[in-house]
Amino acid sequence: MAAPDDAKPDLIARLQQLPMRHRWLRWAVLAASLAFSAASAYYFSIQVRQEAHSRFGTVAIGVANDVQSRIRAYGDVLYAIRGLFDSSDDVTRDEFHRFAQALSLGERYPGATNISFAPRVPHAKKAQFERAVRAETSPLVKGLPEFTLKPPGERPEYLVLTYIEPMGKNIAAWGLDLNADPLRRSVVDRARDSGQIASSSGVTLLRDGSASVSSTLLRLALYRGGGAPGSVEERQRLYWGMVGSTLRIGEMIDATLSKEIRSRTQLQIYEVGNAPGEGAAGGTLLFDSAASGAAATGPAPAEFSGYAVTHRLAVADREWRLRIVPRKDPVDFLDKAGSAAILAALLAISALLFWLMTSVAVSESRGAELAQRNREAALLREKLREQAMRDKLTGLYNRHYVEEWFDLELRRAQRHGRPIAAIMLDVDHFKRFNDSFGHEAGDLVLQELAGALRRSTRGSDVASRYGGEEFLVLLPECPFDTALRKAEQMREEVAKLELRYDGRPLGPVSVSLGVAAFPDHAKESAELLRHADEALYEAKGAGRNRVVAYSATAGAGASNQTRVL
């Protein structure tokens, strides 16, 4: 019987003879390794596309949020006008003009072609009302055509556009009875009955004639006694007038989105639903950046439609659907090159394995050299894996890696009953750095912010670039109150940054942070990140440059779920 020490050389010798005895074996191994290489390259390409989709999704959400914020600002103007009329029994044309001048519509609310006031006029007082307007001595009406209600005709009551600012190109609408047109009447009725802002579908203004310019009307009712009565019956009884604004959708989008965003994306806006009682038809195209205005750059290539992001947003009592498609390939050149490099490396490994099996049958001495090459290939795979885990710009972990790590760490925390905290932070007014100093300056801000995070975290903490200018820091075994203090330290560390680019100071850098913790606020990783993100957006809404702590004990509203530090 052979000794155990003699059995090992015999086994090695038999393995070395396999490629010679079974010539098909090396070909089978080669085919299997090529299949594995193709599968691995395909998997990595999917991961690259998913990461690109995630990055573009962040851009698209930013676009939708910018549009929503702009529309809310227009709504705030209407509530301010209602406050003006509620505070005075008789707002004159000159007072309304001064109020409009103070708003600086053209500068602060681009896309809003006018603001207006229309009183409710019974048929019995029509002639008296016309005489009163014609008798006005305000300099604002001098040189204007004689005031008259339009369109002609007898109606039970009228809602007459009397104050319009600026008048200029809007003179065609002066004296227009909003009750005469079914579309405008529908918006008026809904605003009257709801006490809230009502909006129209796409309309063409009188000032635009036959031009293909899509606009939307915003209306808010006025009631005797001020404010909005509690019931529909009371609102209909006390209703005495209407204030409004008209938005040109194309001009609003041009003012809301930067040239860079418009060049990188195609934005389409659809009206997806009508207000109650107006029928079920929807899906009307209101705006398409590929066909609107001088800035139109053509539709996005069809091959990028898979990256399209759809987002719904409320416009008064209606709903718009935003479809955002990239015009340029969201997959970075470096990611494409990385995919090609990995495929090339795996193919090289397959060829190396084939060569190894062929060489083993010829010379055992070649085995050591081949083993060394295999070790080098393993190091290459490990290096590529490390690169796939890191964000190239900041050196922090990337989103894909940190989400996988967080799932494992949260399960470990659940088993051992240990806390774990999540801090979501975002650079305030990051767009200013890109627009004012260029994207390289923006990259410098992100790199320096990453350095500040490294200085502010423990060795066990995991800091990552979560997307764009958004970062995520996970703190294992960190109670909620400690995490709040840690977040404040991060905010202070960032505030100390004094950055210069190309010899110019970039100005102050600040961040908004949202904090949530397990098990205080969530049991699952996705829920915890969502709560931290909600707290982050609350921090931005509260004025930025602050830490907001998520609170699960408050009500359903986001403003009640957080507390500001």
Protein backbone atom coordinates (compact mmCIF):
# COMPACT_ATOMS: atom_id res chain seq x y z
CA MET A 1 0.00 0.00 0.00
CA ALA A 2 1.38 3.40 -1.01
CA ALA A 3 2.19 5.89 1.74
CA PRO A 4 0.07 9.10 1.95
CA ASP A 5 3.09 11.25 0.97
CA ASP A 6 3.56 9.19 -2.20
CA ALA A 7 -0.13 9.51 -3.13
CA LYS A 8 0.07 13.32 -3.70
CA PRO A 9 2.72 13.17 -6.46
CA ASP A 10 0.80 10.37 -8.12
CA LEU A 11 -2.40 12.45 -8.13
CA ILE A 12 -0.58 15.45 -9.60
CA ALA A 13 0.97 13.30 -12.28
CA ARG A 14 -2.40 11.86 -13.25
CA LEU A 15 -3.93 15.34 -13.46
CA GLN A 16 -1.06 16.48 -15.68
CA GLN A 17 -1.78 13.59 -18.04
CA LEU A 18 -5.50 14.34 -18.37
CA PRO A 19 -5.15 16.91 -21.20
CA MET A 20 -3.04 14.43 -23.15
CA ARG A 21 -5.35 11.47 -22.58
CA HIS A 22 -8.57 13.46 -23.19
CA ARG A 23 -7.82 15.98 -25.93
CA TRP A 24 -11.44 17.22 -25.84
CA LEU A 25 -11.12 18.25 -22.20
CA ARG A 26 -9.24 21.49 -22.84
CA TRP A 27 -11.75 22.46 -25.51
CA ALA A 28 -14.62 21.79 -23.12
CA VAL A 29 -12.93 23.91 -20.46
CA LEU A 30 -12.34 26.69 -23.02
CA ALA A 31 -16.00 26.65 -24.08
CA ALA A 32 -17.15 26.80 -20.45
CA SER A 33 -14.80 29.66 -19.61
CA LEU A 34 -15.90 31.64 -22.68
CA ALA A 35 -19.52 31.15 -21.68
CA PHE A 36 -18.69 32.34 -18.18
CA SER A 37 -16.85 35.37 -19.58
CA ALA A 38 -19.81 36.31 -21.74
CA ALA A 39 -22.23 35.88 -18.84
CA SER A 40 -20.03 37.94 -16.52
CA ALA A 41 -19.63 40.72 -19.07
CA TYR A 42 -23.38 40.73 -19.66
CA TYR A 43 -24.05 40.92 -15.90
CA PHE A 44 -21.63 43.80 -15.47
CA SER A 45 -23.13 45.67 -18.41
CA ILE A 46 -26.55 45.32 -16.77
CA GLN A 47 -25.16 46.75 -13.55
CA VAL A 48 -23.62 49.66 -15.47
CA ARG A 49 -26.92 50.40 -17.20
CA GLN A 50 -28.81 50.18 -13.91
CA GLU A 51 -26.39 52.62 -12.31
CA ALA A 52 -26.76 54.94 -15.31
CA HIS A 53 -30.55 54.64 -15.03
CA SER A 54 -30.30 55.50 -11.35
CA ARG A 55 -28.14 58.54 -12.07
CA PHE A 56 -30.51 59.79 -14.75
CA GLY A 57 -33.44 59.08 -12.44
CA THR A 58 -31.88 61.47 -9.95
CA VAL A 59 -31.62 64.11 -12.68
CA ALA A 60 -35.23 63.50 -13.72
CA ILE A 61 -36.50 63.80 -10.15
CA GLY A 62 -34.64 67.10 -9.89
CA VAL A 63 -36.36 68.29 -13.07
CA ALA A 64 -39.79 67.30 -11.74
CA ASN A 65 -39.13 68.93 -8.36
CA ASP A 66 -37.98 72.16 -10.04
CA VAL A 67 -41.15 72.29 -12.15
CA GLN A 68 -43.34 71.54 -9.13
CA SER A 69 -41.65 74.27 -7.09
CA ARG A 70 -42.14 76.77 -9.88
CA ILE A 71 -45.86 75.95 -10.15
CA ARG A 72 -46.29 76.26 -6.39
CA ALA A 73 -44.68 79.68 -6.56
CA TYR A 74 -47.28 80.77 -9.12
CA GLY A 75 -50.01 79.49 -6.79
CA ASP A 76 -48.54 81.47 -3.91
CA VAL A 77 -48.92 84.62 -6.02
CA LEU A 78 -52.68 84.00 -6.32
CA TYR A 79 -53.05 83.53 -2.57
CA ALA A 80 -51.13 86.77 -2.07
CA ILE A 81 -53.54 88.58 -4.42
CA ARG A 82 -56.51 87.13 -2.55
CA GLY A 83 -54.96 88.42 0.65
CA LEU A 84 -54.73 91.87 -0.93
CA PHE A 85 -58.46 91.92 -1.70
CA ASP A 86 -59.39 90.37 1.66
CA SER A 87 -57.51 93.13 3.46
CA SER A 88 -59.27 96.01 1.70
CA ASP A 89 -62.89 96.76 0.87
CA ASP A 90 -61.93 98.55 -2.34
CA VAL A 91 -58.65 97.76 -4.14
CA THR A 92 -58.19 100.37 -6.86
CA ARG A 93 -56.58 99.81 -10.22
CA ASP A 94 -53.56 101.85 -9.13
CA GLU A 95 -53.16 99.75 -5.97
CA PHE A 96 -53.40 96.56 -8.00
CA HIS A 97 -50.80 97.96 -10.40
CA ARG A 98 -48.41 98.80 -7.55
CA PHE A 99 -48.90 95.33 -6.09
CA ALA A 100 -48.03 93.75 -9.45
CA GLN A 101 -44.99 95.99 -9.80
CA ALA A 102 -43.78 94.84 -6.38
CA LEU A 103 -44.11 91.20 -7.48
CA SER A 104 -41.74 91.78 -10.44
CA LEU A 105 -43.57 89.15 -12.47
CA GLY A 106 -41.20 89.15 -15.43
CA GLU A 107 -38.11 88.63 -13.29
CA ARG A 108 -39.34 86.45 -10.42
CA TYR A 109 -42.15 84.54 -12.13
CA PRO A 110 -41.12 84.01 -15.77
CA GLY A 111 -43.80 82.31 -17.81
CA ALA A 112 -46.61 84.13 -15.99
CA THR A 113 -47.98 86.41 -18.71
CA ASN A 114 -50.29 88.31 -16.35
CA ILE A 115 -52.19 88.47 -13.10
CA SER A 116 -55.81 89.58 -13.14
CA PHE A 117 -58.90 90.43 -11.16
CA ALA A 118 -62.45 89.78 -12.39
CA PRO A 119 -65.50 90.89 -10.32
CA ARG A 120 -68.83 89.11 -10.51
CA VAL A 121 -71.37 91.39 -12.27
CA PRO A 122 -75.13 90.55 -12.33
CA HIS A 123 -76.89 91.23 -15.62
CA ALA A 124 -78.95 93.99 -14.02
CA LYS A 125 -75.76 95.94 -13.20
CA LYS A 126 -73.96 95.36 -16.50
CA ALA A 127 -74.48 98.85 -17.91
CA GLN A 128 -73.72 100.49 -14.56
CA PHE A 129 -70.50 98.49 -14.30
CA GLU A 130 -69.38 99.48 -17.80
CA ARG A 131 -70.02 103.15 -17.05
CA ALA A 132 -68.06 102.90 -13.80
CA VAL A 133 -65.01 101.45 -15.51
CA ARG A 134 -65.18 103.99 -18.33
CA ALA A 135 -65.37 106.77 -15.74
CA GLU A 136 -62.08 105.76 -14.10
CA THR A 137 -59.52 108.55 -14.09
CA SER A 138 -56.45 106.42 -13.43
CA PRO A 139 -53.50 107.19 -15.73
CA LEU A 140 -53.34 103.45 -16.37
CA VAL A 141 -56.47 103.51 -18.57
CA LYS A 142 -55.60 106.62 -20.56
CA GLY A 143 -55.11 105.87 -24.22
CA LEU A 144 -56.80 102.46 -23.97
CA PRO A 145 -59.78 101.52 -26.17
CA GLU A 146 -63.19 102.19 -24.66
CA PHE A 147 -64.01 99.51 -22.12
CA THR A 148 -66.79 97.11 -23.07
CA LEU A 149 -67.82 93.62 -22.02
CA LYS A 150 -67.06 90.91 -24.55
CA PRO A 151 -68.15 88.82 -26.24
CA PRO A 152 -71.45 90.62 -26.89
CA GLY A 153 -74.64 89.01 -25.67
CA GLU A 154 -76.99 88.84 -22.73
CA ARG A 155 -76.14 86.45 -19.91
CA PRO A 156 -77.48 86.05 -16.36
CA GLU A 157 -74.21 87.22 -14.88
CA TYR A 158 -70.70 88.11 -15.97
CA LEU A 159 -67.21 87.61 -14.60
CA VAL A 160 -65.29 90.45 -16.22
CA LEU A 161 -61.50 90.76 -16.49
CA THR A 162 -61.16 94.30 -15.15
CA TYR A 163 -57.63 94.58 -13.71
CA ILE A 164 -54.86 92.99 -15.80
CA GLU A 165 -51.16 93.42 -15.11
CA PRO A 166 -49.25 94.04 -17.18
CA MET A 167 -51.84 95.42 -19.58
CA GLY A 168 -49.58 95.78 -22.67
CA LYS A 169 -50.06 92.72 -24.88
CA ASN A 170 -52.92 91.54 -22.66
CA ILE A 171 -55.20 94.41 -23.74
CA ALA A 172 -57.17 91.94 -25.91
CA ALA A 173 -58.46 90.28 -22.73
CA TRP A 174 -59.63 93.51 -21.03
CA GLY A 175 -63.36 93.26 -20.49
CA LEU A 176 -63.49 89.52 -21.35
CA ASP A 177 -66.38 87.69 -19.68
CA LEU A 178 -64.86 84.47 -18.28
CA ASN A 179 -68.34 82.93 -18.02
CA ALA A 180 -68.89 83.14 -21.78
CA ASP A 181 -66.31 80.49 -22.71
CA PRO A 182 -67.10 76.90 -21.52
CA LEU A 183 -63.47 76.07 -20.80
CA ARG A 184 -62.83 79.23 -18.79
CA ARG A 185 -66.24 78.87 -17.08
CA SER A 186 -65.32 75.34 -15.98
CA VAL A 187 -62.16 76.61 -14.24
CA VAL A 188 -64.11 79.45 -12.59
CA ASP A 189 -66.83 77.11 -11.27
CA ARG A 190 -64.32 74.69 -9.80
CA ALA A 191 -62.34 77.50 -8.15
CA ARG A 192 -65.57 79.01 -6.75
CA ASP A 193 -66.86 75.71 -5.30
CA SER A 194 -63.55 74.43 -3.91
CA GLY A 195 -62.11 77.61 -2.42
CA GLN A 196 -58.77 76.41 -3.79
CA ILE A 197 -56.81 77.13 -6.96
CA ALA A 198 -58.24 75.54 -10.10
CA SER A 199 -56.38 75.12 -13.39
CA SER A 200 -57.32 74.61 -17.01
CA SER A 201 -56.00 72.29 -19.66
CA GLY A 202 -53.88 73.73 -22.46
CA VAL A 203 -55.42 76.87 -23.96
CA THR A 204 -54.42 79.49 -26.52
CA LEU A 205 -54.60 83.05 -25.21
CA LEU A 206 -56.34 85.87 -27.04
CA ARG A 207 -52.99 87.69 -27.25
CA ASP A 208 -51.44 84.71 -29.06
CA GLY A 209 -54.12 84.50 -31.74
CA SER A 210 -53.52 81.42 -33.90
CA ALA A 211 -49.98 80.84 -32.64
CA SER A 212 -49.25 77.35 -31.32
CA VAL A 213 -48.41 78.41 -27.76
CA SER A 214 -49.84 76.26 -24.97
CA SER A 215 -50.84 78.04 -21.76
CA THR A 216 -52.71 77.09 -18.61
CA LEU A 217 -55.05 79.24 -16.54
CA LEU A 218 -54.95 79.44 -12.74
CA ARG A 219 -57.98 80.84 -10.90
CA LEU A 220 -58.74 81.52 -7.20
CA ALA A 221 -62.11 82.75 -5.94
CA LEU A 222 -62.78 85.77 -3.71
CA TYR A 223 -65.49 85.65 -1.01
CA ARG A 224 -67.17 88.33 1.03
CA GLY A 225 -65.74 88.29 4.53
CA GLY A 226 -62.35 87.03 3.32
CA GLY A 227 -60.76 83.57 3.17
CA ALA A 228 -62.72 80.54 1.96
CA PRO A 229 -66.03 79.58 3.64
CA GLY A 230 -66.36 76.07 5.00
CA SER A 231 -69.13 74.66 2.78
CA VAL A 232 -69.84 74.67 -0.94
CA GLU A 233 -73.19 76.38 -0.33
CA GLU A 234 -71.56 79.19 1.64
CA ARG A 235 -68.82 79.58 -0.96
CA GLN A 236 -71.39 79.91 -3.76
CA ARG A 237 -73.42 82.41 -1.72
CA LEU A 238 -70.48 84.63 -0.67
CA TYR A 239 -68.54 84.42 -3.94
CA TRP A 240 -68.00 87.89 -5.47
CA GLY A 241 -65.00 87.72 -7.78
CA MET A 242 -61.96 85.86 -9.08
CA VAL A 243 -58.22 86.46 -9.26
CA GLY A 244 -56.05 84.61 -11.72
CA SER A 245 -52.83 84.15 -13.58
CA THR A 246 -51.94 82.73 -16.97
CA LEU A 247 -48.85 80.58 -17.51
CA ARG A 248 -47.08 79.95 -20.78
CA ILE A 249 -45.78 76.43 -20.29
CA GLY A 250 -42.83 76.72 -22.67
CA GLU A 251 -41.56 79.96 -21.12
CA MET A 252 -41.98 78.50 -17.63
CA ILE A 253 -39.88 75.43 -18.53
CA ASP A 254 -37.17 77.56 -20.18
CA ALA A 255 -36.91 79.66 -17.02
CA THR A 256 -37.05 76.69 -14.64
CA LEU A 257 -34.49 74.34 -16.22
CA SER A 258 -30.89 75.21 -16.99
CA LYS A 259 -29.56 75.12 -20.55
CA GLU A 260 -27.48 72.10 -19.62
CA ILE A 261 -30.51 70.15 -18.43
CA ARG A 262 -32.50 71.13 -21.53
CA SER A 263 -29.62 70.03 -23.76
CA ARG A 264 -29.29 66.70 -21.93
CA THR A 265 -32.97 65.81 -21.69
CA GLN A 266 -36.18 65.86 -23.68
CA LEU A 267 -39.14 66.88 -21.53
CA GLN A 268 -42.72 66.09 -22.47
CA ILE A 269 -45.68 67.23 -20.37
CA TYR A 270 -49.04 65.50 -20.63
CA GLU A 271 -52.31 66.30 -18.93
CA VAL A 272 -53.16 62.86 -17.55
CA GLY A 273 -56.55 63.51 -15.98
CA ASN A 274 -59.38 65.97 -16.05
CA ALA A 275 -61.04 67.57 -13.09
CA PRO A 276 -64.20 65.93 -11.67
CA GLY A 277 -67.18 66.22 -13.93
CA GLU A 278 -65.19 67.00 -17.09
CA GLY A 279 -65.03 63.50 -18.51
CA ALA A 280 -62.45 60.74 -18.49
CA ALA A 281 -60.37 61.71 -21.51
CA GLY A 282 -56.73 62.51 -20.70
CA GLY A 283 -53.20 62.18 -21.93
CA THR A 284 -53.16 65.42 -23.93
CA LEU A 285 -49.65 66.59 -24.86
CA LEU A 286 -49.19 70.09 -23.46
CA PHE A 287 -45.47 70.61 -24.07
CA ASP A 288 -42.56 68.91 -25.84
CA SER A 289 -39.11 70.44 -25.53
CA ALA A 290 -38.14 68.78 -28.83
CA ALA A 291 -40.66 70.91 -30.72
CA SER A 292 -41.03 74.06 -28.62
CA GLY A 293 -39.27 77.35 -29.19
CA ALA A 294 -35.89 78.28 -30.52
CA ALA A 295 -34.16 76.09 -27.93
CA ALA A 296 -35.60 72.91 -29.42
CA THR A 297 -32.84 70.41 -30.22
CA GLY A 298 -34.85 67.55 -31.68
CA PRO A 299 -36.22 64.43 -30.03
CA ALA A 300 -34.12 62.12 -27.90
CA PRO A 301 -32.69 59.09 -29.76
CA ALA A 302 -35.02 56.10 -29.66
CA GLU A 303 -32.35 53.85 -28.13
CA PHE A 304 -32.37 55.97 -24.97
CA SER A 305 -36.13 55.58 -24.39
CA GLY A 306 -35.41 52.73 -21.99
CA TYR A 307 -34.00 55.30 -19.56
CA ALA A 308 -37.16 57.43 -19.69
CA VAL A 309 -38.51 58.51 -16.29
CA THR A 310 -42.16 59.40 -15.70
CA HIS A 311 -43.19 61.65 -12.83
CA ARG A 312 -46.64 62.94 -11.87
CA LEU A 313 -47.18 66.32 -10.28
CA ALA A 314 -50.21 68.31 -9.18
CA VAL A 315 -51.09 71.56 -10.93
CA ALA A 316 -53.86 72.99 -8.75
CA ASP A 317 -56.76 70.50 -9.13
CA ARG A 318 -55.27 68.83 -12.20
CA GLU A 319 -52.40 66.45 -12.72
CA TRP A 320 -49.53 66.56 -15.20
CA ARG A 321 -47.33 63.66 -16.24
CA LEU A 322 -43.74 64.55 -16.99
CA ARG A 323 -41.82 62.19 -19.27
CA ILE A 324 -38.09 62.86 -19.21
CA VAL A 325 -35.81 61.13 -21.71
CA PRO A 326 -32.02 61.56 -22.04
CA ARG A 327 -30.70 63.05 -25.27
CA LYS A 328 -27.22 61.68 -24.59
CA ASP A 329 -26.17 58.20 -23.55
CA PRO A 330 -26.45 58.06 -19.73
CA VAL A 331 -23.75 55.38 -19.61
CA ASP A 332 -20.41 57.10 -19.10
CA PHE A 333 -17.54 56.44 -21.47
CA LEU A 334 -15.46 55.14 -18.57
CA ASP A 335 -18.20 52.66 -17.66
CA LYS A 336 -18.29 51.44 -21.25
CA ALA A 337 -14.53 51.14 -21.24
CA GLY A 338 -14.71 49.30 -17.92
CA SER A 339 -17.16 46.78 -19.36
CA ALA A 340 -14.91 46.22 -22.35
CA ALA A 341 -11.88 45.90 -20.08
CA ILE A 342 -13.60 43.29 -17.89
CA LEU A 343 -14.68 41.30 -20.94
CA ALA A 344 -11.16 41.49 -22.33
CA ALA A 345 -9.74 40.40 -18.98
CA LEU A 346 -12.13 37.46 -18.72
CA LEU A 347 -11.38 36.40 -22.29
CA ALA A 348 -7.70 36.63 -21.49
CA ILE A 349 -8.26 34.43 -18.47
CA SER A 350 -10.14 31.90 -20.61
CA ALA A 351 -7.30 31.81 -23.12
CA LEU A 352 -4.83 31.55 -20.28
CA LEU A 353 -6.66 28.56 -18.83
CA PHE A 354 -6.70 26.86 -22.24
CA TRP A 355 -3.02 27.51 -22.66
CA LEU A 356 -2.37 26.23 -19.16
CA MET A 357 -4.07 22.91 -19.77
CA THR A 358 -2.17 22.51 -23.05
CA SER A 359 1.15 23.38 -21.45
CA VAL A 360 0.71 21.13 -18.43
CA ALA A 361 0.98 18.07 -20.67
CA VAL A 362 4.33 19.29 -22.08
CA SER A 363 6.21 20.57 -19.07
CA GLU A 364 5.55 20.65 -15.35
CA SER A 365 7.92 23.56 -15.03
CA ARG A 366 5.54 25.71 -17.01
CA GLY A 367 2.92 25.15 -14.29
CA ALA A 368 4.58 27.54 -11.86
CA GLU A 369 4.58 30.29 -14.48
CA LEU A 370 0.95 29.67 -15.31
CA ALA A 371 0.03 29.66 -11.64
CA GLN A 372 1.72 33.03 -11.26
CA ARG A 373 -0.30 34.38 -14.18
CA ASN A 374 -3.46 33.04 -12.58
CA ARG A 375 -2.62 34.87 -9.38
CA GLU A 376 -2.09 38.07 -11.37
CA ALA A 377 -5.45 37.58 -13.05
CA ALA A 378 -7.07 37.10 -9.62
CA LEU A 379 -5.49 40.34 -8.45
CA LEU A 380 -6.85 42.06 -11.54
CA ARG A 381 -10.34 40.78 -10.78
CA GLU A 382 -10.03 41.99 -7.20
CA LYS A 383 -8.81 45.39 -8.40
CA LEU A 384 -11.73 45.65 -10.82
CA ARG A 385 -14.11 44.64 -8.03
CA GLU A 386 -12.69 47.38 -5.80
CA GLN A 387 -13.09 49.91 -8.61
CA ALA A 388 -16.71 48.81 -9.10
CA MET A 389 -17.35 49.50 -5.40
CA ARG A 390 -15.99 53.05 -5.45
CA ASP A 391 -17.20 56.32 -6.92
CA LYS A 392 -14.52 57.48 -9.35
CA LEU A 393 -14.78 61.18 -8.52
CA THR A 394 -14.87 61.15 -4.71
CA GLY A 395 -13.32 57.81 -3.84
CA LEU A 396 -16.27 57.05 -1.57
CA TYR A 397 -18.33 53.92 -1.89
CA ASN A 398 -20.94 54.02 -4.63
CA ARG A 399 -24.67 53.55 -4.25
CA HIS A 400 -24.77 49.96 -5.53
CA TYR A 401 -22.20 48.76 -3.00
CA VAL A 402 -23.56 50.68 0.00
CA GLU A 403 -27.12 49.40 -0.53
CA GLU A 404 -25.88 45.77 -0.56
CA TRP A 405 -23.72 46.42 2.50
CA PHE A 406 -26.56 48.16 4.32
CA ASP A 407 -28.94 45.19 3.85
CA LEU A 408 -26.37 42.83 5.43
CA GLU A 409 -25.47 45.26 8.23
CA LEU A 410 -29.13 45.90 9.09
CA ARG A 411 -29.81 42.16 9.39
CA ARG A 412 -26.79 41.89 11.69
CA ALA A 413 -28.11 44.79 13.79
CA GLN A 414 -31.53 43.09 13.98
CA ARG A 415 -29.98 39.82 15.21
CA HIS A 416 -27.90 41.49 17.90
CA GLY A 417 -30.32 44.27 18.86
CA ARG A 418 -27.93 47.05 17.97
CA PRO A 419 -28.86 50.46 16.54
CA ILE A 420 -27.79 51.76 13.17
CA ALA A 421 -28.31 55.30 11.85
CA ALA A 422 -28.56 56.77 8.36
CA ILE A 423 -27.61 60.35 7.48
CA MET A 424 -28.71 61.60 4.05
CA LEU A 425 -27.14 64.89 2.98
CA ASP A 426 -27.24 67.07 -0.10
CA VAL A 427 -25.14 70.06 -1.22
CA ASP A 428 -27.20 73.27 -1.00
CA HIS A 429 -27.48 75.21 -4.26
CA PHE A 430 -24.99 72.88 -5.95
CA LYS A 431 -26.21 74.04 -9.35
CA ARG A 432 -24.71 77.48 -8.56
CA PHE A 433 -21.17 76.07 -8.62
CA ASN A 434 -21.68 74.37 -11.98
CA ASP A 435 -23.40 77.35 -13.56
CA SER A 436 -21.06 80.01 -12.18
CA PHE A 437 -17.67 78.26 -12.21
CA GLY A 438 -18.06 75.20 -14.45
CA HIS A 439 -18.40 71.49 -13.82
CA GLU A 440 -14.78 71.06 -12.77
CA ALA A 441 -15.45 73.45 -9.89
CA GLY A 442 -18.55 71.40 -9.03
CA ASP A 443 -16.37 68.25 -9.03
CA LEU A 444 -13.93 70.01 -6.67
CA VAL A 445 -16.81 70.77 -4.27
CA LEU A 446 -17.87 67.11 -4.29
CA GLN A 447 -14.28 65.91 -3.69
CA GLU A 448 -13.73 68.32 -0.79
CA LEU A 449 -17.10 67.36 0.69
CA ALA A 450 -16.04 63.71 0.52
CA GLY A 451 -12.86 64.65 2.43
CA ALA A 452 -14.94 66.44 5.07
CA LEU A 453 -17.07 63.31 5.49
CA ARG A 454 -13.98 61.15 5.95
CA ARG A 455 -12.74 63.51 8.65
CA SER A 456 -16.13 63.46 10.40
CA THR A 457 -16.73 59.69 10.46
CA ARG A 458 -15.45 56.75 12.43
CA GLY A 459 -13.57 53.83 10.96
CA SER A 460 -16.68 51.67 11.21
CA ASP A 461 -18.91 54.24 9.43
CA VAL A 462 -19.60 53.89 5.71
CA ALA A 463 -19.74 57.09 3.63
CA SER A 464 -20.95 56.94 0.03
CA ARG A 465 -21.86 59.14 -2.89
CA TYR A 466 -25.52 58.23 -3.31
CA GLY A 467 -26.11 60.12 -6.55
CA GLY A 468 -25.28 63.54 -8.04
CA GLU A 469 -24.63 65.89 -5.10
CA GLU A 470 -26.38 63.58 -2.61
CA PHE A 471 -24.39 61.55 -0.05
CA LEU A 472 -25.31 58.83 2.43
CA VAL A 473 -23.46 58.02 5.66
CA LEU A 474 -24.35 54.84 7.59
CA LEU A 475 -23.31 54.59 11.25
CA PRO A 476 -23.39 51.06 12.75
CA GLU A 477 -24.00 50.79 16.51
CA CYS A 478 -24.87 54.47 16.67
CA PRO A 479 -27.94 55.61 18.67
CA PHE A 480 -30.24 58.23 17.18
CA ASP A 481 -29.14 61.13 19.44
CA THR A 482 -25.47 60.37 18.74
CA ALA A 483 -26.21 60.32 15.03
CA LEU A 484 -27.82 63.78 15.32
CA ARG A 485 -24.68 65.16 16.93
CA LYS A 486 -22.55 63.45 14.32
CA ALA A 487 -24.67 65.01 11.55
CA GLU A 488 -24.23 68.46 13.10
CA GLN A 489 -20.45 67.87 13.21
CA MET A 490 -20.55 67.01 9.50
CA ARG A 491 -22.52 70.16 8.74
CA GLU A 492 -20.01 72.27 10.69
CA GLU A 493 -17.05 70.54 9.03
CA VAL A 494 -18.45 71.31 5.57
CA ALA A 495 -19.19 74.90 6.57
CA LYS A 496 -15.47 75.36 7.34
CA LEU A 497 -14.51 74.65 3.72
CA GLU A 498 -12.97 77.62 1.94
CA LEU A 499 -12.59 76.47 -1.65
CA ARG A 500 -10.95 78.19 -4.58
CA TYR A 501 -10.97 77.19 -8.20
CA ASP A 502 -8.79 78.73 -10.89
CA GLY A 503 -7.77 81.41 -8.41
CA ARG A 504 -11.35 82.40 -7.56
CA PRO A 505 -13.14 81.71 -4.28
CA LEU A 506 -16.16 79.49 -4.73
CA GLY A 507 -17.99 81.00 -1.78
CA PRO A 508 -19.60 79.24 1.17
CA VAL A 509 -20.48 75.56 0.93
CA SER A 510 -23.31 74.18 3.03
CA VAL A 511 -25.28 70.98 3.23
CA SER A 512 -28.73 69.93 4.39
CA LEU A 513 -28.92 66.68 6.36
CA GLY A 514 -31.71 64.29 7.28
CA VAL A 515 -31.25 61.68 10.03
CA ALA A 516 -33.18 58.48 10.76
CA ALA A 517 -32.24 55.43 12.81
CA PHE A 518 -33.01 51.76 13.36
CA PRO A 519 -34.93 50.62 15.34
CA ASP A 520 -36.40 54.04 16.21
CA HIS A 521 -37.96 54.79 12.82
CA ALA A 522 -37.84 51.74 10.55
CA LYS A 523 -37.26 48.00 10.46
CA GLU A 524 -36.09 47.68 6.85
CA SER A 525 -33.23 49.35 5.01
CA ALA A 526 -35.35 50.87 2.23
CA GLU A 527 -37.78 52.36 4.75
CA LEU A 528 -34.97 53.79 6.84
CA LEU A 529 -33.35 55.43 3.81
CA ARG A 530 -36.70 56.83 2.74
CA HIS A 531 -37.24 58.41 6.16
CA ALA A 532 -33.73 59.90 6.10
CA ASP A 533 -34.47 61.27 2.62
CA GLU A 534 -37.78 62.77 3.84
CA ALA A 535 -35.93 64.48 6.66
CA LEU A 536 -33.36 65.78 4.13
CA TYR A 537 -36.06 67.34 1.98
CA GLU A 538 -37.63 68.83 5.08
CA ALA A 539 -34.25 70.39 5.87
CA LYS A 540 -34.15 71.93 2.39
CA GLY A 541 -37.71 73.16 2.72
CA ALA A 542 -36.90 74.69 6.11
CA GLY A 543 -34.18 76.87 4.64
CA ARG A 544 -31.18 74.53 4.03
CA ASN A 545 -27.87 74.39 5.93
CA ARG A 546 -29.37 72.46 8.82
CA VAL A 547 -29.92 69.02 10.29
CA VAL A 548 -33.45 67.64 10.46
CA ALA A 549 -34.26 64.57 12.53
CA TYR A 550 -36.98 62.23 11.39
CA SER A 551 -39.68 61.60 13.99
CA ALA A 552 -42.01 58.59 13.72
CA THR A 553 -44.29 59.78 16.54
CA ALA A 554 -45.92 62.65 14.58
CA GLY A 555 -48.79 62.58 12.11
CA ALA A 556 -48.85 61.70 8.43
CA GLY A 557 -47.68 65.06 7.08
CA ALA A 558 -44.00 65.43 6.28
CA SER A 559 -43.80 68.70 8.15
CA ASN A 560 -45.01 66.93 11.30
CA GLN A 561 -42.64 63.99 10.97
CA THR A 562 -39.39 65.84 11.52
CA ARG A 563 -37.79 68.19 13.95
CA VAL A 564 -35.12 70.71 13.02
CA LEU A 565 -31.86 70.98 14.95
